[in-house]
Amino acid sequence: MAASWQAGLEGRRHAARGGARKRAAGAGARHQLVFVDRLVATLIHLRHDLPHSVLGLLFGVDRSTVTRAIGEIRALLASRGCAVTDRPGLRLHTLADV
C-alpha cells in the first residue's frame, strides 16, 4: 500500500510541476510523519474519533500535518476498497460490522 501511496504522491507532484523533476529524488523536505505513522494516525482517528489536534500531540507534529495525512490516507484506503460507501457516517465497532 505504501508503494501505491508514493506513486500517487509523485503523480500529483508531476502534474503540479508540469513536467519532470528539477532535482534528484530524495532532495527537499522530508515528511514529518512517515507512511506507517500516517496510517496509524488515520486508523486511530477513524476508530476512536480523536481530534486532529490530539493526534498531533501524540505524534509530535502540528494539527495541520495530521489533517493532511488523514486526508491522503483516507483517499488511499477508499481506493483500496477499505470504505463503507453505501452507509456514509457508519462507525465500525466490531468485525461483525464489516
Protein backbone atom coordinates (compact mmCIF):
# COMPACT_ATOMS: atom_id res chain seq x y z
CA MET A 1 0.00 0.00 0.00
CA ALA A 2 2.92 2.34 0.67
CA ALA A 3 4.17 1.99 -2.91
CA SER A 4 0.73 2.92 -4.25
CA TRP A 5 0.61 5.97 -1.99
CA GLN A 6 4.11 7.04 -3.05
CA ALA A 7 3.26 6.62 -6.74
CA GLY A 8 0.11 8.72 -6.35
CA LEU A 9 2.04 11.39 -4.50
CA GLU A 10 4.69 11.54 -7.22
CA GLY A 11 1.99 11.70 -9.90
CA ARG A 12 0.31 14.68 -8.21
CA ARG A 13 3.66 16.42 -7.87
CA HIS A 14 4.47 15.77 -11.54
CA ALA A 15 1.14 17.30 -12.56
CA ALA A 16 1.65 20.30 -10.28
CA ARG A 17 5.16 20.91 -11.64
CA GLY A 18 4.03 20.46 -15.21
CA GLY A 19 6.91 18.15 -16.02
CA ALA A 20 9.84 16.16 -14.77
CA ARG A 21 11.77 16.74 -11.55
CA LYS A 22 14.29 19.54 -11.38
CA ARG A 23 16.20 17.93 -8.52
CA ALA A 24 17.07 14.34 -7.76
CA ALA A 25 14.62 12.11 -5.91
CA GLY A 26 15.07 12.49 -2.17
CA ALA A 27 16.03 16.15 -2.29
CA GLY A 28 13.86 18.62 -0.42
CA ALA A 29 11.85 18.49 2.77
CA ARG A 30 11.11 15.19 4.48
CA HIS A 31 7.68 14.10 5.65
CA GLN A 32 7.22 14.77 9.33
CA LEU A 33 5.14 11.60 9.58
CA VAL A 34 6.37 8.50 7.79
CA PHE A 35 3.82 6.37 5.97
CA VAL A 36 3.24 3.97 8.87
CA ASP A 37 2.62 6.86 11.28
CA ARG A 38 0.20 8.42 8.78
CA LEU A 39 -1.67 5.13 8.53
CA VAL A 40 -1.78 4.63 12.30
CA ALA A 41 -2.97 8.21 12.89
CA THR A 42 -5.72 7.73 10.32
CA LEU A 43 -6.86 4.44 11.81
CA ILE A 44 -6.87 5.91 15.33
CA HIS A 45 -8.92 8.86 14.07
CA LEU A 46 -11.40 6.63 12.26
CA ARG A 47 -11.75 4.14 15.11
CA HIS A 48 -11.73 6.43 18.15
CA ASP A 49 -12.69 9.76 16.56
CA LEU A 50 -9.85 11.62 18.25
CA PRO A 51 -9.48 15.25 17.16
CA HIS A 52 -6.60 16.06 14.85
CA SER A 53 -5.05 18.32 17.48
CA VAL A 54 -4.84 15.42 19.96
CA LEU A 55 -3.27 13.17 17.34
CA GLY A 56 -0.80 15.96 16.61
CA LEU A 57 0.23 15.95 20.27
CA LEU A 58 0.57 12.15 20.27
CA PHE A 59 2.78 12.15 17.19
CA GLY A 60 4.65 15.36 17.98
CA VAL A 61 3.51 17.29 14.90
CA ASP A 62 1.16 20.16 14.12
CA ARG A 63 -2.59 19.63 13.69
CA SER A 64 -2.40 20.62 10.02
CA THR A 65 0.14 17.85 9.37
CA VAL A 66 -2.25 15.28 10.83
CA THR A 67 -5.17 16.73 8.86
CA ARG A 68 -3.23 16.46 5.60
CA ALA A 69 -2.03 12.93 6.42
CA ILE A 70 -5.54 11.71 7.26
CA GLY A 71 -6.93 13.17 4.05
CA GLU A 72 -4.27 11.44 1.96
CA ILE A 73 -4.55 8.07 3.70
CA ARG A 74 -8.37 8.04 3.72
CA ALA A 75 -8.33 8.52 -0.05
CA LEU A 76 -5.80 5.70 -0.36
CA LEU A 77 -7.87 3.38 1.85
CA ALA A 78 -11.01 4.18 -0.13
CA SER A 79 -9.25 3.42 -3.41
CA ARG A 80 -8.20 0.04 -1.98
CA GLY A 81 -11.78 -0.82 -1.04
CA CYS A 82 -11.46 -0.16 2.69
CA ALA A 83 -14.53 2.05 2.99
CA VAL A 84 -18.21 1.51 3.61
CA THR A 85 -19.56 3.51 0.69
CA ASP A 86 -23.21 2.51 0.91
CA ARG A 87 -23.55 3.69 4.52
CA PRO A 88 -21.75 7.03 4.99
CA GLY A 89 -21.10 8.03 8.56
CA LEU A 90 -21.09 4.44 9.81
CA ARG A 91 -18.55 3.80 12.54
CA LEU A 92 -17.35 0.22 12.67
CA HIS A 93 -17.14 -1.04 16.24
CA THR A 94 -16.55 -4.76 15.73
CA LEU A 95 -15.50 -7.11 12.96
CA ALA A 96 -19.15 -8.13 12.63
CA ASP A 97 -19.96 -4.58 11.47
CA VAL A 98 -17.70 -5.06 8.46
